[in-house]
Amino acid sequence: MAAPDCGVFFPAELLNEIRSKFHHVESDPYSGPRIFFESASGSFRLKSMVEAVARENVFLDQLGRANPGSRHANELVVQGVQDVRDFLGAQSGTIMPATSSTHAVFRAVHAGLAAALQGNVVTTDLEHPSIYDSTSVFARQYGHAWRSAPLNSETGFVEPQAILELVDERTRLVGLIHGSNMTGACLDIKGITAGVRRINADVMVVVDGVQYAPHAPVDVEDLDVDAYVFGPYKAFCVKGVGFAYLSERMAGLPHWALAGKGPDDWNLGSIDHAMYAAWSAVVDYLVWLGSHFTNSADRRQCIVAGQSASDDHMRALLHRCLYGSAKQRGLLAMDHVTVHAMTEDLSQRYCLFMFDLAGMDSYQGVELYNRAGLRLHNRVRDAYSRHTLEAMGLEAGIRLSANHANSPAEVDAFLAATEEIGRMAPDEVAKVTAGDRGPGVGEG
């Protein structure tokens, strides 16, 4: 395999400053020192974000009241919505809050299919179940045929043509993942959406950006999609909230709403202003990060610059995992390691991939990494991963998922631990990993 685009690491001084802005980067209260490569299941928490939640959660004032506290809460919500827009490049449409990204996807897919004439819905085998299951459930409920484009198990991608071959004049909705939480492959959403529109301009395109958006810049206007969903807790924020951009035509569809609300108002229930303050703290951080890579004072341009630099850093981490360095062999040079669904071209990937270690199952591998002070995850055929693992021809696998606060030194420590694990005898592996295997499941 030829050496690909190797990305660009953050300067060492800046990376140290980045790491100082997050909680529990190098250790946690339960196990002490450890290296965290489990960001796909939930990222580091930004210190300023945690402070914002603590500061705002003590206030009681509801929105829409005639007092200073209520006005303050409303200002935070307005700023938070604008920060979602700036993060996504959304100059039009509606921003919908939800209790999670999965909740947001289900609402968007439901609206896209509930009132549509009977036809078909298209998705892929690469999807997180938020798209995969919601399209299946609502297709069945409203009498639409359900179609899924196959995953290329060798590359980890779904070929655009495989998707477009399933789209026709009766297609009502296409649901796609932007970046996979299983293979690390990033789909060409802009190109696929343009192809869909050429076949049928009326198709609603719903995109799950939960894994992609934390690591690279997003421009929903340029992508030309009808819904784009992300989960703040995978972008250094808190759980309990998800956001979606909805195009004007998606926002105008019939949807769950109170009778007295406007036709494009998708808010349900009381809005927690502290959640919006938390998200604004994250965007403030991304603006700070971007200021190191652009002279622009524009908030959106700083976000794009910061996310672009993050994308470069993540690709450099991936390259180092695969190819190593002058002092440390990479995974591709280790005979006891099988990296799944990897390609030479890393330009459409971030640092997330699955692999196996010879002579042991995925749980044993993860447990050995735990004992070496590294946090990885084993993906198994559960409610979240079954269909994708089946499409890849795998029963299970070990997943590494990084974020832009991870360092090249941490990758080297992972590689060194992988070499050490490979030297263990089978009876030693069985002895060390004996005991409760735990659930081995998780959403991310």
Protein backbone atom coordinates (compact mmCIF):
# COMPACT_ATOMS: atom_id res chain seq x y z
CA MET A 1 0.00 0.00 0.00
CA ALA A 2 1.52 3.30 -1.10
CA ALA A 3 1.93 6.10 1.42
CA PRO A 4 -1.04 8.50 1.09
CA ASP A 5 -1.70 12.11 2.01
CA CYS A 6 -0.25 12.22 5.51
CA GLY A 7 -2.07 15.28 6.87
CA VAL A 8 -0.54 18.02 9.03
CA PHE A 9 -0.20 17.95 12.82
CA PHE A 10 -0.97 20.99 14.93
CA PRO A 11 2.19 22.76 16.07
CA ALA A 12 3.30 21.19 19.36
CA GLU A 13 2.79 24.36 21.42
CA LEU A 14 -0.74 24.85 20.08
CA LEU A 15 -1.62 21.19 20.65
CA ASN A 16 -0.54 21.49 24.29
CA GLU A 17 -2.75 24.56 24.65
CA ILE A 18 -5.66 22.71 23.00
CA ARG A 19 -5.29 19.80 25.41
CA SER A 20 -5.26 22.13 28.40
CA LYS A 21 -8.78 23.31 27.54
CA PHE A 22 -10.42 19.90 28.13
CA HIS A 23 -11.19 17.80 31.17
CA HIS A 24 -9.64 14.34 31.69
CA VAL A 25 -7.39 14.36 28.66
CA GLU A 26 -4.63 12.25 30.23
CA SER A 27 -6.41 10.53 33.11
CA ASP A 28 -9.82 9.91 34.63
CA PRO A 29 -11.10 9.60 38.22
CA TYR A 30 -11.76 5.86 37.92
CA SER A 31 -8.58 4.42 36.47
CA GLY A 32 -5.93 7.12 36.64
CA PRO A 33 -3.61 7.81 33.71
CA ARG A 34 -4.92 6.64 30.34
CA ILE A 35 -5.01 7.58 26.67
CA PHE A 36 -8.49 8.14 25.24
CA PHE A 37 -9.20 6.78 21.76
CA GLU A 38 -12.97 6.46 22.15
CA SER A 39 -14.16 9.83 20.88
CA ALA A 40 -16.78 8.37 18.53
CA SER A 41 -18.77 7.35 21.59
CA GLY A 42 -18.43 10.77 23.22
CA SER A 43 -15.68 13.35 23.07
CA PHE A 44 -13.64 15.18 25.68
CA ARG A 45 -15.61 17.83 27.59
CA LEU A 46 -14.50 21.41 27.12
CA LYS A 47 -13.79 23.12 30.45
CA SER A 48 -15.44 26.39 29.46
CA MET A 49 -18.53 24.45 28.33
CA VAL A 50 -18.84 22.72 31.70
CA GLU A 51 -18.48 26.08 33.41
CA ALA A 52 -21.25 27.55 31.22
CA VAL A 53 -23.63 24.71 32.14
CA ALA A 54 -22.90 25.11 35.85
CA ARG A 55 -23.31 28.89 35.65
CA GLU A 56 -26.63 28.83 33.80
CA ASN A 57 -28.31 25.76 35.30
CA VAL A 58 -28.88 27.46 38.67
CA PHE A 59 -31.29 30.05 37.23
CA LEU A 60 -35.04 29.38 37.26
CA ASP A 61 -36.37 31.89 34.78
CA GLN A 62 -38.45 30.57 31.88
CA LEU A 63 -38.35 32.12 28.41
CA GLY A 64 -40.92 34.75 27.48
CA ARG A 65 -41.30 36.31 30.92
CA ALA A 66 -41.14 40.02 31.75
CA ASN A 67 -38.00 39.97 33.85
CA PRO A 68 -34.23 40.34 33.36
CA GLY A 69 -33.50 36.64 33.97
CA SER A 70 -35.91 35.59 31.25
CA ARG A 71 -34.42 38.08 28.82
CA HIS A 72 -30.94 36.75 29.63
CA ALA A 73 -32.07 33.17 28.97
CA ASN A 74 -33.63 34.23 25.68
CA GLU A 75 -30.40 35.94 24.62
CA LEU A 76 -28.49 32.72 25.25
CA VAL A 77 -30.95 30.73 23.13
CA VAL A 78 -30.79 33.25 20.29
CA GLN A 79 -26.98 33.20 20.40
CA GLY A 80 -26.94 29.40 20.61
CA VAL A 81 -29.15 29.06 17.53
CA GLN A 82 -26.92 31.49 15.65
CA ASP A 83 -23.89 29.45 16.70
CA VAL A 84 -25.51 26.31 15.27
CA ARG A 85 -26.04 28.24 12.04
CA ASP A 86 -22.43 29.44 12.00
CA PHE A 87 -21.16 25.92 12.73
CA LEU A 88 -23.16 24.46 9.83
CA GLY A 89 -22.98 27.40 7.42
CA ALA A 90 -26.78 27.62 7.52
CA GLN A 91 -27.88 30.95 6.09
CA SER A 92 -31.45 29.79 5.49
CA GLY A 93 -33.90 27.22 6.80
CA THR A 94 -34.73 26.29 10.39
CA ILE A 95 -32.67 25.01 13.32
CA MET A 96 -34.45 22.24 15.20
CA PRO A 97 -33.43 21.20 18.73
CA ALA A 98 -34.06 17.65 19.92
CA THR A 99 -33.22 15.47 22.89
CA SER A 100 -30.53 13.69 20.85
CA SER A 101 -29.25 13.43 17.30
CA THR A 102 -31.17 10.16 16.87
CA HIS A 103 -34.36 11.94 17.97
CA ALA A 104 -33.67 14.69 15.42
CA VAL A 105 -33.11 12.16 12.62
CA PHE A 106 -36.33 10.31 13.44
CA ARG A 107 -38.32 13.57 13.37
CA ALA A 108 -36.86 14.65 10.03
CA VAL A 109 -37.33 11.25 8.37
CA HIS A 110 -40.87 10.96 9.73
CA ALA A 111 -41.82 14.35 8.29
CA GLY A 112 -40.22 13.49 4.97
CA LEU A 113 -42.19 10.25 4.57
CA ALA A 114 -45.45 10.67 6.48
CA ALA A 115 -47.16 12.99 4.01
CA ALA A 116 -45.41 11.81 0.83
CA LEU A 117 -47.13 9.87 -1.92
CA GLN A 118 -46.28 6.20 -1.76
CA GLY A 119 -42.91 5.53 -3.35
CA ASN A 120 -39.55 4.43 -2.01
CA VAL A 121 -36.82 5.51 0.38
CA VAL A 122 -33.09 4.93 -0.16
CA THR A 123 -30.33 4.51 2.39
CA THR A 124 -27.10 2.47 2.76
CA ASP A 125 -25.59 -0.39 4.74
CA LEU A 126 -23.05 2.05 6.22
CA GLU A 127 -25.62 3.96 8.25
CA HIS A 128 -25.88 4.42 11.99
CA PRO A 129 -29.28 3.02 13.03
CA SER A 130 -30.65 6.54 13.44
CA ILE A 131 -30.94 6.67 9.63
CA TYR A 132 -31.03 2.94 8.92
CA ASP A 133 -33.83 2.15 11.36
CA SER A 134 -35.87 5.35 10.99
CA THR A 135 -36.07 4.98 7.21
CA SER A 136 -37.08 1.33 7.61
CA VAL A 137 -39.67 2.00 10.31
CA PHE A 138 -41.39 4.89 8.54
CA ALA A 139 -41.16 3.29 5.10
CA ARG A 140 -43.05 0.32 6.49
CA GLN A 141 -45.52 2.51 8.39
CA TYR A 142 -46.39 4.70 5.40
CA GLY A 143 -46.21 2.11 2.63
CA HIS A 144 -42.92 3.05 0.95
CA ALA A 145 -40.48 0.51 -0.49
CA TRP A 146 -37.17 0.51 1.42
CA ARG A 147 -33.87 0.22 -0.44
CA SER A 148 -30.32 0.02 0.94
CA ALA A 149 -27.17 0.50 -1.13
CA PRO A 150 -24.42 -2.06 -0.36
CA LEU A 151 -21.24 -1.28 1.54
CA ASN A 152 -17.95 -2.06 -0.17
CA SER A 153 -16.33 -4.18 2.53
CA GLU A 154 -12.86 -3.69 1.01
CA THR A 155 -12.91 0.12 1.15
CA GLY A 156 -15.42 0.94 3.90
CA PHE A 157 -17.27 3.27 1.50
CA VAL A 158 -20.59 3.07 -0.31
CA GLU A 159 -20.02 3.88 -3.96
CA PRO A 160 -22.10 6.91 -5.09
CA GLN A 161 -23.32 5.00 -8.14
CA ALA A 162 -24.65 2.23 -5.90
CA ILE A 163 -26.84 4.83 -4.20
CA LEU A 164 -27.94 6.59 -7.38
CA GLU A 165 -28.93 3.30 -9.02
CA LEU A 166 -31.63 2.95 -6.36
CA VAL A 167 -33.06 6.46 -6.88
CA ASP A 168 -35.90 7.00 -9.35
CA GLU A 169 -38.95 9.18 -9.99
CA ARG A 170 -40.77 7.51 -7.07
CA THR A 171 -38.02 8.11 -4.50
CA ARG A 172 -39.30 10.32 -1.67
CA LEU A 173 -36.28 10.47 0.67
CA VAL A 174 -32.59 9.55 0.70
CA GLY A 175 -30.91 9.09 4.10
CA LEU A 176 -27.11 9.16 4.27
CA ILE A 177 -24.31 9.20 6.81
CA HIS A 178 -21.65 11.86 6.20
CA GLY A 179 -18.84 10.11 8.08
CA SER A 180 -19.02 6.52 9.28
CA ASN A 181 -18.69 5.62 12.95
CA MET A 182 -17.57 2.13 11.86
CA THR A 183 -15.06 2.58 9.03
CA GLY A 184 -14.11 6.27 9.19
CA ALA A 185 -15.09 6.72 5.53
CA CYS A 186 -16.62 10.06 4.53
CA LEU A 187 -19.23 10.04 1.76
CA ASP A 188 -19.30 12.69 -0.97
CA ILE A 189 -22.60 14.17 0.19
CA LYS A 190 -22.44 17.11 -2.21
CA GLY A 191 -21.83 14.90 -5.23
CA ILE A 192 -24.39 12.29 -4.23
CA THR A 193 -27.03 14.93 -3.51
CA ALA A 194 -26.42 16.58 -6.89
CA GLY A 195 -26.82 13.18 -8.55
CA VAL A 196 -30.06 12.54 -6.66
CA ARG A 197 -31.42 15.95 -7.69
CA ARG A 198 -30.68 15.23 -11.36
CA ILE A 199 -32.78 12.09 -11.16
CA ASN A 200 -35.57 13.51 -9.01
CA ALA A 201 -35.51 17.12 -7.82
CA ASP A 202 -38.27 16.47 -5.27
CA VAL A 203 -36.33 13.97 -3.15
CA MET A 204 -35.69 14.96 0.48
CA VAL A 205 -32.05 14.34 1.46
CA VAL A 206 -31.46 13.75 5.18
CA VAL A 207 -27.85 13.53 6.42
CA ASP A 208 -26.46 12.14 9.67
CA GLY A 209 -23.44 14.33 10.38
CA VAL A 210 -22.90 13.14 13.95
CA GLN A 211 -19.44 11.65 13.39
CA TYR A 212 -18.31 13.99 10.61
CA ALA A 213 -19.23 17.43 11.93
CA PRO A 214 -16.94 17.41 15.02
CA HIS A 215 -13.85 16.94 12.85
CA ALA A 216 -14.23 18.90 9.61
CA PRO A 217 -16.06 21.99 8.31
CA VAL A 218 -19.68 21.65 7.18
CA ASP A 219 -21.57 23.93 4.77
CA VAL A 220 -25.18 22.81 4.44
CA GLU A 221 -25.92 25.41 1.78
CA ASP A 222 -23.14 24.04 -0.40
CA LEU A 223 -24.19 20.44 0.27
CA ASP A 224 -27.77 21.34 -0.76
CA VAL A 225 -29.36 18.92 1.71
CA ASP A 226 -32.78 19.11 3.37
CA ALA A 227 -31.73 18.03 6.86
CA TYR A 228 -28.32 17.83 8.50
CA VAL A 229 -28.10 16.46 12.03
CA PHE A 230 -25.27 16.52 14.57
CA GLY A 231 -24.81 15.62 18.23
CA PRO A 232 -23.05 18.23 20.39
CA TYR A 233 -21.77 15.64 22.89
CA LYS A 234 -19.49 14.28 20.17
CA ALA A 235 -18.21 17.81 19.59
CA PHE A 236 -16.92 18.58 23.10
CA CYS A 237 -20.35 19.47 24.53
CA VAL A 238 -22.97 17.69 26.68
CA LYS A 239 -25.50 14.93 26.15
CA GLY A 240 -29.22 15.61 26.17
CA VAL A 241 -29.42 17.78 23.08
CA GLY A 242 -29.15 17.33 19.32
CA PHE A 243 -29.49 19.87 16.55
CA ALA A 244 -30.66 19.70 12.96
CA TYR A 245 -30.62 22.14 10.10
CA LEU A 246 -33.83 21.87 8.06
CA SER A 247 -34.17 23.39 4.61
CA GLU A 248 -37.12 25.67 3.99
CA ARG A 249 -39.04 22.96 2.17
CA MET A 250 -38.32 20.39 4.89
CA ALA A 251 -39.23 22.86 7.64
CA GLY A 252 -42.55 23.56 5.91
CA LEU A 253 -43.66 19.93 5.96
CA PRO A 254 -46.37 18.80 8.40
CA HIS A 255 -44.65 17.77 11.65
CA TRP A 256 -45.25 17.28 15.35
CA ALA A 257 -46.04 20.76 16.67
CA LEU A 258 -48.30 22.67 19.00
CA ALA A 259 -51.31 24.11 17.18
CA GLY A 260 -50.46 27.69 18.08
CA LYS A 261 -46.91 27.55 16.72
CA GLY A 262 -45.79 28.86 13.35
CA PRO A 263 -45.65 26.40 10.43
CA ASP A 264 -41.84 26.19 10.47
CA ASP A 265 -41.44 26.06 14.29
CA TRP A 266 -40.08 22.63 15.27
CA ASN A 267 -39.51 23.32 18.99
CA LEU A 268 -41.33 20.92 21.30
CA GLY A 269 -41.42 21.65 25.02
CA SER A 270 -39.41 24.07 27.11
CA ILE A 271 -35.96 24.96 25.84
CA ASP A 272 -33.05 24.59 28.26
CA HIS A 273 -31.09 27.79 27.82
CA ALA A 274 -28.06 26.21 29.56
CA MET A 275 -27.73 23.73 26.68
CA TYR A 276 -27.49 26.64 24.24
CA ALA A 277 -24.91 28.35 26.45
CA ALA A 278 -22.94 25.12 26.46
CA TRP A 279 -22.97 24.94 22.68
CA SER A 280 -21.93 28.59 22.36
CA ALA A 281 -18.93 27.85 24.58
CA VAL A 282 -17.89 25.11 22.15
CA VAL A 283 -18.25 27.45 19.18
CA ASP A 284 -16.24 30.10 21.04
CA TYR A 285 -13.50 27.50 21.38
CA LEU A 286 -13.63 26.63 17.67
CA VAL A 287 -13.40 30.33 16.82
CA TRP A 288 -10.34 30.60 19.09
CA LEU A 289 -8.79 27.56 17.40
CA GLY A 290 -9.48 28.95 13.94
CA SER A 291 -7.93 32.30 14.83
CA HIS A 292 -4.54 30.53 14.70
CA PHE A 293 -5.09 29.70 11.02
CA THR A 294 -6.83 32.78 9.59
CA ASN A 295 -6.58 36.54 9.93
CA SER A 296 -10.34 36.90 9.47
CA ALA A 297 -12.40 38.20 12.38
CA ASP A 298 -15.56 36.63 10.94
CA ARG A 299 -16.96 33.99 13.27
CA ARG A 300 -17.95 31.55 10.53
CA GLN A 301 -14.59 31.87 8.77
CA CYS A 302 -12.76 31.17 12.02
CA ILE A 303 -14.87 28.04 12.58
CA VAL A 304 -14.08 26.81 9.07
CA ALA A 305 -10.36 27.49 9.56
CA GLY A 306 -10.33 25.66 12.90
CA GLN A 307 -12.27 22.68 11.57
CA SER A 308 -10.05 22.49 8.49
CA ALA A 309 -6.96 22.39 10.69
CA SER A 310 -8.65 19.73 12.83
CA ASP A 311 -9.31 17.69 9.69
CA ASP A 312 -5.63 17.91 8.75
CA HIS A 313 -4.52 16.90 12.26
CA MET A 314 -6.90 13.95 12.31
CA ARG A 315 -5.61 12.69 8.98
CA ALA A 316 -2.04 12.99 10.27
CA LEU A 317 -3.04 10.89 13.30
CA LEU A 318 -4.56 8.27 10.99
CA HIS A 319 -1.47 8.20 8.80
CA ARG A 320 0.71 7.69 11.88
CA CYS A 321 -1.50 4.86 13.11
CA LEU A 322 -1.17 3.06 9.80
CA TYR A 323 2.40 3.87 8.78
CA GLY A 324 4.12 4.71 12.06
CA SER A 325 7.19 6.91 12.33
CA ALA A 326 10.95 6.62 12.10
CA LYS A 327 11.02 5.06 15.58
CA GLN A 328 7.77 3.08 15.64
CA ARG A 329 6.19 0.65 13.18
CA GLY A 330 2.63 1.34 12.07
CA LEU A 331 -0.25 -1.11 12.08
CA LEU A 332 0.16 -2.00 8.41
CA ALA A 333 3.65 -3.34 9.15
CA MET A 334 2.48 -5.60 11.99
CA ASP A 335 1.74 -9.19 10.96
CA HIS A 336 -0.65 -9.81 13.85
CA VAL A 337 -2.88 -6.83 12.97
CA THR A 338 -5.64 -6.74 10.33
CA VAL A 339 -6.99 -3.27 9.57
CA HIS A 340 -10.46 -3.50 8.06
CA ALA A 341 -11.83 -1.54 5.10
CA MET A 342 -8.81 0.71 4.63
CA THR A 343 -7.75 2.40 1.38
CA GLU A 344 -4.56 4.08 0.19
CA ASP A 345 -6.33 7.43 -0.20
CA LEU A 346 -6.89 8.94 3.25
CA SER A 347 -8.24 12.26 1.98
CA GLN A 348 -11.86 11.28 2.69
CA ARG A 349 -11.27 9.77 6.12
CA TYR A 350 -10.72 10.85 9.68
CA CYS A 351 -8.89 8.96 12.41
CA LEU A 352 -11.42 6.22 13.04
CA PHE A 353 -11.02 2.61 11.94
CA MET A 354 -11.60 -1.00 12.95
CA PHE A 355 -9.03 -3.75 13.25
CA ASP A 356 -8.42 -7.23 14.67
CA LEU A 357 -5.52 -8.78 16.56
CA ALA A 358 -4.56 -12.34 15.66
CA GLY A 359 -5.27 -15.03 18.21
CA MET A 360 -7.86 -13.14 20.25
CA ASP A 361 -11.38 -11.76 20.01
CA SER A 362 -12.26 -8.08 20.12
CA TYR A 363 -13.15 -8.09 23.81
CA GLN A 364 -9.80 -9.59 24.72
CA GLY A 365 -8.02 -6.99 22.62
CA VAL A 366 -9.88 -4.10 24.23
CA GLU A 367 -9.24 -5.49 27.70
CA LEU A 368 -5.51 -5.77 26.99
CA TYR A 369 -5.49 -2.16 25.78
CA ASN A 370 -7.34 -1.15 28.94
CA ARG A 371 -4.61 -2.77 31.02
CA ALA A 372 -2.04 -0.87 28.99
CA GLY A 373 -3.81 2.42 29.77
CA LEU A 374 -5.55 2.87 26.39
CA ARG A 375 -9.30 3.27 25.88
CA LEU A 376 -10.66 1.69 22.71
CA HIS A 377 -13.98 -0.02 22.02
CA ASN A 378 -15.12 -3.36 20.63
CA ARG A 379 -17.98 -3.17 18.15
CA VAL A 380 -20.23 -6.23 18.19
CA ARG A 381 -23.39 -7.28 16.36
CA ASP A 382 -25.75 -5.32 18.60
CA ALA A 383 -28.62 -2.95 17.83
CA TYR A 384 -26.16 -0.25 16.76
CA SER A 385 -23.67 -2.18 14.64
CA ARG A 386 -25.24 -5.41 13.41
CA HIS A 387 -26.14 -4.45 9.84
CA THR A 388 -22.80 -2.76 9.11
CA LEU A 389 -20.71 -5.56 10.60
CA GLU A 390 -22.72 -8.07 8.57
CA ALA A 391 -22.08 -6.02 5.43
CA MET A 392 -18.36 -6.02 6.26
CA GLY A 393 -18.41 -9.78 6.87
CA LEU A 394 -17.32 -9.33 10.49
CA GLU A 395 -18.64 -10.67 13.78
CA ALA A 396 -16.90 -7.93 15.76
CA GLY A 397 -13.87 -5.67 15.74
CA ILE A 398 -11.77 -3.27 17.78
CA ARG A 399 -12.35 0.41 17.02
CA LEU A 400 -9.98 3.32 17.53
CA SER A 401 -11.53 6.78 17.28
CA ALA A 402 -9.47 9.90 17.88
CA ASN A 403 -10.18 13.61 18.12
CA HIS A 404 -8.08 16.67 17.46
CA ALA A 405 -6.82 16.85 21.05
CA ASN A 406 -5.03 13.52 20.63
CA SER A 407 -1.27 13.71 20.07
CA PRO A 408 1.24 11.86 17.90
CA ALA A 409 2.90 10.66 21.11
CA GLU A 410 -0.38 8.99 22.10
CA VAL A 411 -0.52 7.23 18.74
CA ASP A 412 3.04 6.01 19.30
CA ALA A 413 2.03 4.67 22.72
CA PHE A 414 -0.90 2.84 21.11
CA LEU A 415 1.38 1.33 18.48
CA ALA A 416 3.94 0.26 21.06
CA ALA A 417 1.20 -1.37 23.13
CA THR A 418 -0.08 -3.15 20.02
CA GLU A 419 3.39 -4.58 19.39
CA GLU A 420 3.62 -5.72 23.01
CA ILE A 421 0.19 -7.38 22.88
CA GLY A 422 1.28 -9.21 19.74
CA ARG A 423 4.11 -10.82 21.67
CA MET A 424 1.77 -12.37 24.25
CA ALA A 425 1.24 -16.13 24.20
CA PRO A 426 -2.36 -17.38 23.75
CA ASP A 427 -2.53 -18.87 27.27
CA GLU A 428 -1.31 -15.56 28.72
CA VAL A 429 -3.99 -13.66 26.77
CA ALA A 430 -6.69 -16.02 28.05
CA LYS A 431 -5.49 -15.72 31.63
CA VAL A 432 -5.23 -11.92 31.63
CA THR A 433 -8.61 -11.37 29.97
CA ALA A 434 -10.62 -13.99 31.90
CA GLY A 435 -13.69 -12.68 33.72
CA ASP A 436 -16.77 -10.55 33.10
CA ARG A 437 -16.86 -9.40 29.48
CA GLY A 438 -19.35 -6.61 30.09
CA PRO A 439 -21.96 -5.50 27.57
CA GLY A 440 -19.61 -4.58 24.70
CA VAL A 441 -22.24 -2.24 23.27
CA GLY A 442 -22.71 1.47 22.79
CA GLU A 443 -24.35 4.00 20.54
CA GLY A 444 -21.38 5.81 19.05
